[in-house]
């Protein structure tokens, strides 16, 4: 069982994407919400200059059994952290991520031009990330819950299906009519699925900590 739940946002760094589901999730583990330095309300950190540094910040929290719960491009960080410290990651939850796959080849819409235009001051770490993690996914043997919406143009269901085929111990749940904000818009259902995925549900939630 995890003693920490680490919530990771997507490429815009919106920590609130997981807040409603985290508040509803009745689990005894400590809840930690990550923010990406220089994104949203999280102040810049001169020591963080790319994806590898974000992964290092997550890995530093893997000092005891933990579950990584990630949205969109945050799933890349979660996967890389789990590959680095698989012995400390009990569970993964990946919501509408690329998973290091060729999303365009699976019918996904390229979100990068929109983000460059609408958020020109954001660091470009996620925009420039193109590594293919396909061959490494088989090393992730912990239970993985894949959450997808069938109305998501950015990461269509085909991506979730491909990840489910590549990951040794994965379960895919698809929400009818859900878009890329599934984790926020369907918080109650998402919290229920995560709770069952993690196993034990407690009557009182642990305090939430921000990073």
C-alpha atoms as a PDB file:
ATOM      1  CA  UNK A   1       0.000   0.000   0.000  1.00  0.00           C
ATOM      2  CA  UNK A   2       1.244   3.520  -0.726  1.00  0.00           C
ATOM      3  CA  UNK A   3       1.938   5.888   2.140  1.00  0.00           C
ATOM      4  CA  UNK A   4       2.113   8.864  -0.251  1.00  0.00           C
ATOM      5  CA  UNK A   5      -0.096   9.928  -3.131  1.00  0.00           C
ATOM      6  CA  UNK A   6       1.733  12.258  -5.525  1.00  0.00           C
ATOM      7  CA  UNK A   7      -0.563  14.257  -7.827  1.00  0.00           C
ATOM      8  CA  UNK A   8       1.093  15.595 -11.004  1.00  0.00           C
ATOM      9  CA  UNK A   9      -0.511  18.172 -13.340  1.00  0.00           C
ATOM     10  CA  UNK A  10      -0.236  18.468 -17.108  1.00  0.00           C
ATOM     11  CA  UNK A  11       1.800  20.751 -19.349  1.00  0.00           C
ATOM     12  CA  UNK A  12       0.112  23.953 -18.122  1.00  0.00           C
ATOM     13  CA  UNK A  13       0.930  23.144 -14.497  1.00  0.00           C
ATOM     14  CA  UNK A  14      -2.666  23.459 -13.333  1.00  0.00           C
ATOM     15  CA  UNK A  15      -2.509  21.832  -9.911  1.00  0.00           C
ATOM     16  CA  UNK A  16      -6.263  22.309  -9.522  1.00  0.00           C
ATOM     17  CA  UNK A  17      -6.892  19.583 -12.125  1.00  0.00           C
ATOM     18  CA  UNK A  18      -6.586  16.965  -9.361  1.00  0.00           C
ATOM     19  CA  UNK A  19      -7.916  18.966  -6.395  1.00  0.00           C
ATOM     20  CA  UNK A  20     -11.595  17.883  -6.499  1.00  0.00           C
ATOM     21  CA  UNK A  21     -10.778  14.183  -6.912  1.00  0.00           C
ATOM     22  CA  UNK A  22      -8.046  14.357  -4.253  1.00  0.00           C
ATOM     23  CA  UNK A  23     -10.467  15.987  -1.808  1.00  0.00           C
ATOM     24  CA  UNK A  24     -12.988  13.187  -2.396  1.00  0.00           C
ATOM     25  CA  UNK A  25     -10.435  10.381  -2.192  1.00  0.00           C
ATOM     26  CA  UNK A  26     -10.672   8.825   1.267  1.00  0.00           C
ATOM     27  CA  UNK A  27      -7.292   7.219   1.660  1.00  0.00           C
ATOM     28  CA  UNK A  28      -4.874   7.214   4.636  1.00  0.00           C
ATOM     29  CA  UNK A  29      -1.803   8.167   2.578  1.00  0.00           C
ATOM     30  CA  UNK A  30      -0.325  11.647   2.618  1.00  0.00           C
ATOM     31  CA  UNK A  31      -1.465  13.654  -0.414  1.00  0.00           C
ATOM     32  CA  UNK A  32       1.138  15.809  -2.154  1.00  0.00           C
ATOM     33  CA  UNK A  33       0.253  18.119  -5.049  1.00  0.00           C
ATOM     34  CA  UNK A  34       3.139  18.986  -7.351  1.00  0.00           C
ATOM     35  CA  UNK A  35       3.390  22.251  -9.243  1.00  0.00           C
ATOM     36  CA  UNK A  36       5.899  22.763 -12.039  1.00  0.00           C
ATOM     37  CA  UNK A  37       8.258  25.701 -11.332  1.00  0.00           C
ATOM     38  CA  UNK A  38       7.427  28.621 -13.603  1.00  0.00           C
ATOM     39  CA  UNK A  39       3.968  27.263 -14.451  1.00  0.00           C
ATOM     40  CA  UNK A  40       0.705  28.657 -13.097  1.00  0.00           C
ATOM     41  CA  UNK A  41       0.964  29.799  -9.482  1.00  0.00           C
ATOM     42  CA  UNK A  42       4.225  27.894  -8.862  1.00  0.00           C
ATOM     43  CA  UNK A  43       7.182  30.300  -8.789  1.00  0.00           C
ATOM     44  CA  UNK A  44      10.215  29.639 -11.015  1.00  0.00           C
ATOM     45  CA  UNK A  45      13.156  27.695  -9.643  1.00  0.00           C
ATOM     46  CA  UNK A  46      16.563  28.442 -11.211  1.00  0.00           C
ATOM     47  CA  UNK A  47      17.624  24.866 -10.494  1.00  0.00           C
ATOM     48  CA  UNK A  48      14.819  23.429 -12.624  1.00  0.00           C
ATOM     49  CA  UNK A  49      15.544  23.792 -16.321  1.00  0.00           C
ATOM     50  CA  UNK A  50      13.888  20.793 -17.963  1.00  0.00           C
ATOM     51  CA  UNK A  51      11.969  17.532 -17.742  1.00  0.00           C
ATOM     52  CA  UNK A  52      14.863  15.702 -16.071  1.00  0.00           C
ATOM     53  CA  UNK A  53      14.789  18.196 -13.197  1.00  0.00           C
ATOM     54  CA  UNK A  54      11.039  17.721 -12.761  1.00  0.00           C
ATOM     55  CA  UNK A  55      11.561  13.961 -12.670  1.00  0.00           C
ATOM     56  CA  UNK A  56      14.282  14.421 -10.062  1.00  0.00           C
ATOM     57  CA  UNK A  57      11.898  16.420  -7.844  1.00  0.00           C
ATOM     58  CA  UNK A  58       9.353  13.611  -7.990  1.00  0.00           C
ATOM     59  CA  UNK A  59      11.980  10.919  -7.433  1.00  0.00           C
ATOM     60  CA  UNK A  60      13.159  12.803  -4.332  1.00  0.00           C
ATOM     61  CA  UNK A  61       9.707  12.209  -2.837  1.00  0.00           C
ATOM     62  CA  UNK A  62       9.927   8.461  -3.416  1.00  0.00           C
ATOM     63  CA  UNK A  63      11.474   7.767  -0.034  1.00  0.00           C
ATOM     64  CA  UNK A  64       8.722   5.327   0.897  1.00  0.00           C
ATOM     65  CA  UNK A  65       5.961   3.493  -0.990  1.00  0.00           C
ATOM     66  CA  UNK A  66       4.027   5.949  -3.145  1.00  0.00           C
ATOM     67  CA  UNK A  67       1.411   6.113  -5.884  1.00  0.00           C
ATOM     68  CA  UNK A  68       1.906   8.501  -8.796  1.00  0.00           C
ATOM     69  CA  UNK A  69      -1.299  10.068 -10.110  1.00  0.00           C
ATOM     70  CA  UNK A  70      -0.688  12.123 -13.239  1.00  0.00           C
ATOM     71  CA  UNK A  71      -2.574  14.071 -15.892  1.00  0.00           C
ATOM     72  CA  UNK A  72      -1.588  14.548 -19.540  1.00  0.00           C
ATOM     73  CA  UNK A  73       2.117  15.428 -19.940  1.00  0.00           C
ATOM     74  CA  UNK A  74       2.547  14.948 -16.204  1.00  0.00           C
ATOM     75  CA  UNK A  75       2.234  11.295 -17.088  1.00  0.00           C
ATOM     76  CA  UNK A  76       5.620  11.482 -18.797  1.00  0.00           C
ATOM     77  CA  UNK A  77       7.170  12.687 -15.533  1.00  0.00           C
ATOM     78  CA  UNK A  78       5.364   9.938 -13.617  1.00  0.00           C
ATOM     79  CA  UNK A  79       6.504   7.222 -16.020  1.00  0.00           C
ATOM     80  CA  UNK A  80      10.129   8.390 -15.944  1.00  0.00           C
ATOM     81  CA  UNK A  81      10.071   8.593 -12.136  1.00  0.00           C
ATOM     82  CA  UNK A  82       8.562   5.102 -11.910  1.00  0.00           C
ATOM     83  CA  UNK A  83      11.219   3.752 -14.258  1.00  0.00           C
ATOM     84  CA  UNK A  84      13.892   5.353 -12.069  1.00  0.00           C
ATOM     85  CA  UNK A  85      12.515   4.011  -8.763  1.00  0.00           C
ATOM     86  CA  UNK A  86      10.116   1.158  -9.496  1.00  0.00           C
ATOM     87  CA  UNK A  87      10.707  -0.372  -6.079  1.00  0.00           C
ATOM     88  CA  UNK A  88       9.031   2.645  -4.409  1.00  0.00           C
ATOM     89  CA  UNK A  89       6.084   3.091  -6.785  1.00  0.00           C
ATOM     90  CA  UNK A  90       3.199   0.861  -5.726  1.00  0.00           C
ATOM     91  CA  UNK A  91       0.625   2.148  -8.252  1.00  0.00           C
ATOM     92  CA  UNK A  92       0.339   4.430 -11.260  1.00  0.00           C
ATOM     93  CA  UNK A  93      -2.720   6.395 -12.357  1.00  0.00           C
ATOM     94  CA  UNK A  94      -2.361   7.968 -15.805  1.00  0.00           C
ATOM     95  CA  UNK A  95      -5.117  10.219 -17.109  1.00  0.00           C
ATOM     96  CA  UNK A  96      -5.076  11.107 -20.796  1.00  0.00           C
ATOM     97  CA  UNK A  97      -1.309  11.122 -21.181  1.00  0.00           C
ATOM     98  CA  UNK A  98       0.828  10.526 -24.245  1.00  0.00           C
ATOM     99  CA  UNK A  99       2.748   7.936 -22.252  1.00  0.00           C
ATOM    100  CA  UNK A 100       5.751   8.548 -24.479  1.00  0.00           C
ATOM    101  CA  UNK A 101       3.908   7.233 -27.542  1.00  0.00           C
ATOM    102  CA  UNK A 102       3.413   8.717 -31.002  1.00  0.00           C
ATOM    103  CA  UNK A 103       0.071  10.331 -30.221  1.00  0.00           C
ATOM    104  CA  UNK A 104      -0.247  11.927 -33.664  1.00  0.00           C
ATOM    105  CA  UNK A 105       0.076   8.486 -35.239  1.00  0.00           C
ATOM    106  CA  UNK A 106      -2.827   7.340 -33.058  1.00  0.00           C
ATOM    107  CA  UNK A 107      -5.087  10.204 -34.141  1.00  0.00           C
ATOM    108  CA  UNK A 108      -4.221  12.804 -31.499  1.00  0.00           C
ATOM    109  CA  UNK A 109      -4.408  16.529 -32.145  1.00  0.00           C
ATOM    110  CA  UNK A 110      -1.160  18.486 -31.748  1.00  0.00           C
ATOM    111  CA  UNK A 111      -1.665  20.767 -28.737  1.00  0.00           C
ATOM    112  CA  UNK A 112       1.741  22.432 -28.926  1.00  0.00           C
ATOM    113  CA  UNK A 113       0.929  25.284 -31.385  1.00  0.00           C
ATOM    114  CA  UNK A 114      -2.012  26.358 -29.213  1.00  0.00           C
ATOM    115  CA  UNK A 115       0.079  26.410 -26.035  1.00  0.00           C
ATOM    116  CA  UNK A 116       2.916  28.318 -27.741  1.00  0.00           C
ATOM    117  CA  UNK A 117       0.459  30.962 -28.916  1.00  0.00           C
ATOM    118  CA  UNK A 118      -1.694  31.273 -25.805  1.00  0.00           C
ATOM    119  CA  UNK A 119       1.018  30.798 -23.149  1.00  0.00           C
ATOM    120  CA  UNK A 120       4.198  32.257 -24.669  1.00  0.00           C
ATOM    121  CA  UNK A 121       5.906  32.828 -21.302  1.00  0.00           C
ATOM    122  CA  UNK A 122       5.731  29.197 -20.161  1.00  0.00           C
ATOM    123  CA  UNK A 123       8.941  27.142 -20.191  1.00  0.00           C
ATOM    124  CA  UNK A 124       9.068  24.959 -23.293  1.00  0.00           C
ATOM    125  CA  UNK A 125      10.170  21.728 -21.582  1.00  0.00           C
ATOM    126  CA  UNK A 126       6.966  19.864 -22.371  1.00  0.00           C
ATOM    127  CA  UNK A 127       6.663  21.379 -25.823  1.00  0.00           C
ATOM    128  CA  UNK A 128      10.083  20.122 -26.875  1.00  0.00           C
ATOM    129  CA  UNK A 129       9.831  16.653 -25.303  1.00  0.00           C
ATOM    130  CA  UNK A 130       9.641  13.988 -28.037  1.00  0.00           C
ATOM    131  CA  UNK A 131      11.260  10.877 -26.538  1.00  0.00           C
ATOM    132  CA  UNK A 132       9.688   7.542 -27.445  1.00  0.00           C
ATOM    133  CA  UNK A 133       9.187   5.422 -24.303  1.00  0.00           C
ATOM    134  CA  UNK A 134       7.468   2.513 -26.056  1.00  0.00           C
ATOM    135  CA  UNK A 135      10.247  -0.013 -25.443  1.00  0.00           C
ATOM    136  CA  UNK A 136      10.564   0.898 -21.756  1.00  0.00           C
ATOM    137  CA  UNK A 137       6.924   0.562 -20.732  1.00  0.00           C
ATOM    138  CA  UNK A 138       7.176  -3.201 -20.222  1.00  0.00           C
ATOM    139  CA  UNK A 139       9.455  -2.504 -17.244  1.00  0.00           C
ATOM    140  CA  UNK A 140       6.562  -0.898 -15.335  1.00  0.00           C
ATOM    141  CA  UNK A 141       5.085  -3.908 -13.569  1.00  0.00           C
ATOM    142  CA  UNK A 142       3.103  -2.116 -10.857  1.00  0.00           C
ATOM    143  CA  UNK A 143      -0.703  -1.872 -11.257  1.00  0.00           C
ATOM    144  CA  UNK A 144      -1.625   0.961 -13.639  1.00  0.00           C
ATOM    145  CA  UNK A 145      -5.037   2.618 -13.952  1.00  0.00           C
ATOM    146  CA  UNK A 146      -5.579   4.378 -17.278  1.00  0.00           C
ATOM    147  CA  UNK A 147      -8.344   7.013 -17.343  1.00  0.00           C
ATOM    148  CA  UNK A 148      -9.568   8.277 -20.715  1.00  0.00           C
ATOM    149  CA  UNK A 149     -12.424  10.282 -22.195  1.00  0.00           C
ATOM    150  CA  UNK A 150     -13.848   9.281 -25.555  1.00  0.00           C
ATOM    151  CA  UNK A 151     -14.280  12.932 -26.600  1.00  0.00           C
ATOM    152  CA  UNK A 152     -10.651  13.963 -26.023  1.00  0.00           C
ATOM    153  CA  UNK A 153      -9.037  15.232 -29.251  1.00  0.00           C
ATOM    154  CA  UNK A 154      -5.580  15.605 -27.670  1.00  0.00           C
ATOM    155  CA  UNK A 155      -5.164  12.052 -26.387  1.00  0.00           C
ATOM    156  CA  UNK A 156      -7.823   9.844 -27.990  1.00  0.00           C
ATOM    157  CA  UNK A 157      -8.878   6.468 -26.643  1.00  0.00           C
ATOM    158  CA  UNK A 158      -6.527   4.745 -29.097  1.00  0.00           C
ATOM    159  CA  UNK A 159      -3.616   6.056 -26.994  1.00  0.00           C
ATOM    160  CA  UNK A 160      -5.064   4.535 -23.834  1.00  0.00           C
ATOM    161  CA  UNK A 161      -5.680   1.261 -25.641  1.00  0.00           C
ATOM    162  CA  UNK A 162      -2.094   1.176 -26.866  1.00  0.00           C
ATOM    163  CA  UNK A 163      -0.762   1.867 -23.376  1.00  0.00           C
ATOM    164  CA  UNK A 164      -3.006  -0.868 -21.962  1.00  0.00           C
ATOM    165  CA  UNK A 165      -1.460  -3.296 -24.448  1.00  0.00           C
ATOM    166  CA  UNK A 166       2.123  -2.257 -23.663  1.00  0.00           C
ATOM    167  CA  UNK A 167       1.947  -2.051 -19.860  1.00  0.00           C
ATOM    168  CA  UNK A 168       2.058  -5.491 -18.176  1.00  0.00           C
ATOM    169  CA  UNK A 169      -0.532  -4.756 -15.467  1.00  0.00           C
ATOM    170  CA  UNK A 170      -2.856  -2.030 -16.739  1.00  0.00           C
ATOM    171  CA  UNK A 171      -6.597  -1.431 -16.686  1.00  0.00           C
ATOM    172  CA  UNK A 172      -8.253   1.108 -19.017  1.00  0.00           C
ATOM    173  CA  UNK A 173     -11.443   2.916 -18.016  1.00  0.00           C
ATOM    174  CA  UNK A 174     -13.120   5.119 -20.631  1.00  0.00           C
ATOM    175  CA  UNK A 175     -15.612   7.887 -19.788  1.00  0.00           C
ATOM    176  CA  UNK A 176     -18.291   8.551 -22.362  1.00  0.00           C
ATOM    177  CA  UNK A 177     -18.385  12.184 -23.512  1.00  0.00           C
ATOM    178  CA  UNK A 178     -15.385  13.240 -21.389  1.00  0.00           C
ATOM    179  CA  UNK A 179     -12.811  15.682 -22.774  1.00  0.00           C
ATOM    180  CA  UNK A 180      -9.209  16.401 -21.743  1.00  0.00           C
ATOM    181  CA  UNK A 181     -10.360  17.788 -18.371  1.00  0.00           C
ATOM    182  CA  UNK A 182     -11.725  14.393 -17.314  1.00  0.00           C
ATOM    183  CA  UNK A 183      -9.899  14.344 -13.959  1.00  0.00           C
ATOM    184  CA  UNK A 184     -11.517  17.637 -12.955  1.00  0.00           C
ATOM    185  CA  UNK A 185     -14.927  17.357 -14.635  1.00  0.00           C
ATOM    186  CA  UNK A 186     -15.667  13.797 -13.465  1.00  0.00           C
ATOM    187  CA  UNK A 187     -13.963  14.101 -10.063  1.00  0.00           C
ATOM    188  CA  UNK A 188     -16.360  11.929  -8.076  1.00  0.00           C
ATOM    189  CA  UNK A 189     -16.179   8.989 -10.466  1.00  0.00           C
ATOM    190  CA  UNK A 190     -12.430   9.421 -10.877  1.00  0.00           C
ATOM    191  CA  UNK A 191     -11.901   9.451  -7.101  1.00  0.00           C
ATOM    192  CA  UNK A 192     -13.920   6.255  -6.777  1.00  0.00           C
ATOM    193  CA  UNK A 193     -11.880   4.468  -9.418  1.00  0.00           C
ATOM    194  CA  UNK A 194      -8.592   5.618  -7.904  1.00  0.00           C
ATOM    195  CA  UNK A 195      -9.712   4.530  -4.450  1.00  0.00           C
ATOM    196  CA  UNK A 196     -10.537   1.034  -5.689  1.00  0.00           C
ATOM    197  CA  UNK A 197      -7.273   0.917  -7.634  1.00  0.00           C
ATOM    198  CA  UNK A 198      -5.272   1.739  -4.509  1.00  0.00           C
ATOM    199  CA  UNK A 199      -7.092  -0.824  -2.399  1.00  0.00           C
ATOM    200  CA  UNK A 200      -7.803   0.499   1.079  1.00  0.00           C
ATOM    201  CA  UNK A 201     -10.192   3.409   1.587  1.00  0.00           C
ATOM    202  CA  UNK A 202     -10.069   5.140   4.962  1.00  0.00           C
ATOM    203  CA  UNK A 203     -12.833   7.135   6.715  1.00  0.00           C
ATOM    204  CA  UNK A 204     -10.622  10.202   7.047  1.00  0.00           C
ATOM    205  CA  UNK A 205      -8.277  11.750   4.485  1.00  0.00           C
ATOM    206  CA  UNK A 206      -4.731  12.821   5.300  1.00  0.00           C
ATOM    207  CA  UNK A 207      -3.756  16.513   4.982  1.00  0.00           C
ATOM    208  CA  UNK A 208      -2.900  17.801   1.535  1.00  0.00           C
ATOM    209  CA  UNK A 209       0.579  19.237   0.999  1.00  0.00           C
ATOM    210  CA  UNK A 210       1.658  21.396  -1.934  1.00  0.00           C
ATOM    211  CA  UNK A 211       5.041  21.217  -3.680  1.00  0.00           C
END
